[in-house]
């Protein structure tokens, strides 16, 4: 259902009463085929925008550096993987070890 909203045009732009936004914290404005659409920003877009802003800020402050080249660790060979599986399969399951440690007060 469409609701008419009384908005004012000012030298700075369009002024829409806050009450008309129905508690929307953030809106996006789209100009499309002779009309302007104002709608709430979907939560996923907000998260993406915040994530992008954080990444940009970290890069600008020199706290985030893109790694170029290969990984610091080479991939594990099938033989190494089999050896690790053999070593890790000895003894009790980890869940049992955790339960015992809880009982002992760890």
C-alpha atoms as a PDB file:
ATOM      1  CA  UNK A   1       0.000   0.000   0.000  1.00  0.00           C
ATOM      2  CA  UNK A   2       1.417   3.367  -1.009  1.00  0.00           C
ATOM      3  CA  UNK A   3       1.482   6.232   1.461  1.00  0.00           C
ATOM      4  CA  UNK A   4       1.901   9.840   0.417  1.00  0.00           C
ATOM      5  CA  UNK A   5       4.678  11.641   2.299  1.00  0.00           C
ATOM      6  CA  UNK A   6       4.950  15.410   2.371  1.00  0.00           C
ATOM      7  CA  UNK A   7       8.583  16.236   1.644  1.00  0.00           C
ATOM      8  CA  UNK A   8      10.228  19.632   1.209  1.00  0.00           C
ATOM      9  CA  UNK A   9      12.697  20.658  -1.441  1.00  0.00           C
ATOM     10  CA  UNK A  10      15.482  22.796   0.022  1.00  0.00           C
ATOM     11  CA  UNK A  11      18.656  24.295  -1.473  1.00  0.00           C
ATOM     12  CA  UNK A  12      20.537  21.355   0.095  1.00  0.00           C
ATOM     13  CA  UNK A  13      18.210  18.706  -1.336  1.00  0.00           C
ATOM     14  CA  UNK A  14      15.082  16.837  -0.370  1.00  0.00           C
ATOM     15  CA  UNK A  15      13.903  16.883   3.244  1.00  0.00           C
ATOM     16  CA  UNK A  16      11.813  13.896   4.309  1.00  0.00           C
ATOM     17  CA  UNK A  17      10.298  13.828   7.805  1.00  0.00           C
ATOM     18  CA  UNK A  18      12.092  11.302  10.038  1.00  0.00           C
ATOM     19  CA  UNK A  19       8.750   9.777  11.060  1.00  0.00           C
ATOM     20  CA  UNK A  20       8.121   8.834   7.435  1.00  0.00           C
ATOM     21  CA  UNK A  21      11.199   6.590   7.432  1.00  0.00           C
ATOM     22  CA  UNK A  22       9.522   4.186   9.884  1.00  0.00           C
ATOM     23  CA  UNK A  23      12.611   3.641  12.010  1.00  0.00           C
ATOM     24  CA  UNK A  24      14.911   2.871   9.094  1.00  0.00           C
ATOM     25  CA  UNK A  25      18.451   3.639  10.199  1.00  0.00           C
ATOM     26  CA  UNK A  26      19.903   3.833   6.727  1.00  0.00           C
ATOM     27  CA  UNK A  27      18.304   4.271   3.321  1.00  0.00           C
ATOM     28  CA  UNK A  28      19.441   4.032  -0.260  1.00  0.00           C
ATOM     29  CA  UNK A  29      18.167   6.331  -2.971  1.00  0.00           C
ATOM     30  CA  UNK A  30      17.787   5.042  -6.516  1.00  0.00           C
ATOM     31  CA  UNK A  31      16.891   7.116  -9.555  1.00  0.00           C
ATOM     32  CA  UNK A  32      15.095   4.956 -12.086  1.00  0.00           C
ATOM     33  CA  UNK A  33      12.947   5.708 -15.142  1.00  0.00           C
ATOM     34  CA  UNK A  34      11.698   9.124 -14.107  1.00  0.00           C
ATOM     35  CA  UNK A  35      11.246   8.300 -10.438  1.00  0.00           C
ATOM     36  CA  UNK A  36      13.287   8.322  -7.260  1.00  0.00           C
ATOM     37  CA  UNK A  37      12.981   5.308  -4.983  1.00  0.00           C
ATOM     38  CA  UNK A  38      13.939   5.520  -1.314  1.00  0.00           C
ATOM     39  CA  UNK A  39      14.193   2.213   0.517  1.00  0.00           C
ATOM     40  CA  UNK A  40      15.925   0.791   3.582  1.00  0.00           C
ATOM     41  CA  UNK A  41      19.394  -0.621   3.131  1.00  0.00           C
ATOM     42  CA  UNK A  42      19.199  -4.401   3.530  1.00  0.00           C
ATOM     43  CA  UNK A  43      21.147  -5.696   6.568  1.00  0.00           C
ATOM     44  CA  UNK A  44      23.557  -7.677   4.375  1.00  0.00           C
ATOM     45  CA  UNK A  45      24.468  -4.536   2.446  1.00  0.00           C
ATOM     46  CA  UNK A  46      25.101  -2.706   5.716  1.00  0.00           C
ATOM     47  CA  UNK A  47      27.463  -5.454   6.837  1.00  0.00           C
ATOM     48  CA  UNK A  48      29.246  -5.412   3.478  1.00  0.00           C
ATOM     49  CA  UNK A  49      29.585  -1.633   3.596  1.00  0.00           C
ATOM     50  CA  UNK A  50      30.949  -1.739   7.148  1.00  0.00           C
ATOM     51  CA  UNK A  51      33.344  -4.543   6.215  1.00  0.00           C
ATOM     52  CA  UNK A  52      34.604  -2.612   3.184  1.00  0.00           C
ATOM     53  CA  UNK A  53      35.060   0.520   5.295  1.00  0.00           C
ATOM     54  CA  UNK A  54      37.012  -1.385   7.949  1.00  0.00           C
ATOM     55  CA  UNK A  55      39.263  -2.994   5.332  1.00  0.00           C
ATOM     56  CA  UNK A  56      39.877   0.363   3.652  1.00  0.00           C
ATOM     57  CA  UNK A  57      40.710   2.025   6.983  1.00  0.00           C
ATOM     58  CA  UNK A  58      43.088  -0.780   7.975  1.00  0.00           C
ATOM     59  CA  UNK A  59      44.858  -0.531   4.602  1.00  0.00           C
ATOM     60  CA  UNK A  60      45.165   3.254   4.874  1.00  0.00           C
ATOM     61  CA  UNK A  61      46.648   2.930   8.368  1.00  0.00           C
ATOM     62  CA  UNK A  62      49.125   0.299   7.186  1.00  0.00           C
ATOM     63  CA  UNK A  63      47.614  -2.394   9.393  1.00  0.00           C
ATOM     64  CA  UNK A  64      46.451  -4.608   6.540  1.00  0.00           C
ATOM     65  CA  UNK A  65      48.801  -5.728   3.827  1.00  0.00           C
ATOM     66  CA  UNK A  66      47.885  -7.923   0.896  1.00  0.00           C
ATOM     67  CA  UNK A  67      50.096 -10.994   0.720  1.00  0.00           C
ATOM     68  CA  UNK A  68      51.537 -11.599  -2.710  1.00  0.00           C
ATOM     69  CA  UNK A  69      52.987 -14.814  -3.940  1.00  0.00           C
ATOM     70  CA  UNK A  70      52.746 -18.279  -2.524  1.00  0.00           C
ATOM     71  CA  UNK A  71      51.593 -19.422   0.876  1.00  0.00           C
ATOM     72  CA  UNK A  72      54.095 -19.407   3.711  1.00  0.00           C
ATOM     73  CA  UNK A  73      53.584 -23.162   4.087  1.00  0.00           C
ATOM     74  CA  UNK A  74      53.765 -25.600   1.203  1.00  0.00           C
ATOM     75  CA  UNK A  75      50.804 -27.935   0.702  1.00  0.00           C
ATOM     76  CA  UNK A  76      50.874 -31.214   2.615  1.00  0.00           C
ATOM     77  CA  UNK A  77      51.717 -34.254   0.516  1.00  0.00           C
ATOM     78  CA  UNK A  78      49.482 -37.339   0.664  1.00  0.00           C
ATOM     79  CA  UNK A  79      52.271 -39.177   2.505  1.00  0.00           C
ATOM     80  CA  UNK A  80      52.551 -36.427   5.135  1.00  0.00           C
ATOM     81  CA  UNK A  81      48.777 -36.394   5.526  1.00  0.00           C
ATOM     82  CA  UNK A  82      48.730 -40.178   6.067  1.00  0.00           C
ATOM     83  CA  UNK A  83      51.521 -39.900   8.663  1.00  0.00           C
ATOM     84  CA  UNK A  84      49.634 -37.152  10.524  1.00  0.00           C
ATOM     85  CA  UNK A  85      46.441 -39.216  10.470  1.00  0.00           C
ATOM     86  CA  UNK A  86      48.331 -42.183  11.909  1.00  0.00           C
ATOM     87  CA  UNK A  87      49.874 -40.083  14.697  1.00  0.00           C
ATOM     88  CA  UNK A  88      46.631 -38.314  15.597  1.00  0.00           C
ATOM     89  CA  UNK A  89      44.547 -41.491  15.657  1.00  0.00           C
ATOM     90  CA  UNK A  90      46.495 -42.971  18.582  1.00  0.00           C
ATOM     91  CA  UNK A  91      44.940 -42.766  22.044  1.00  0.00           C
ATOM     92  CA  UNK A  92      41.563 -41.540  23.194  1.00  0.00           C
ATOM     93  CA  UNK A  93      39.209 -39.375  21.173  1.00  0.00           C
ATOM     94  CA  UNK A  94      39.667 -35.697  21.935  1.00  0.00           C
ATOM     95  CA  UNK A  95      36.117 -35.437  23.305  1.00  0.00           C
ATOM     96  CA  UNK A  96      36.927 -38.029  25.982  1.00  0.00           C
ATOM     97  CA  UNK A  97      40.155 -36.243  26.893  1.00  0.00           C
ATOM     98  CA  UNK A  98      38.239 -32.970  27.265  1.00  0.00           C
ATOM     99  CA  UNK A  99      35.636 -34.604  29.523  1.00  0.00           C
ATOM    100  CA  UNK A 100      38.345 -36.115  31.728  1.00  0.00           C
ATOM    101  CA  UNK A 101      40.134 -32.783  32.021  1.00  0.00           C
ATOM    102  CA  UNK A 102      36.897 -31.061  33.022  1.00  0.00           C
ATOM    103  CA  UNK A 103      36.353 -33.642  35.761  1.00  0.00           C
ATOM    104  CA  UNK A 104      39.911 -33.050  36.983  1.00  0.00           C
ATOM    105  CA  UNK A 105      39.220 -29.320  37.195  1.00  0.00           C
ATOM    106  CA  UNK A 106      41.241 -28.067  34.264  1.00  0.00           C
END
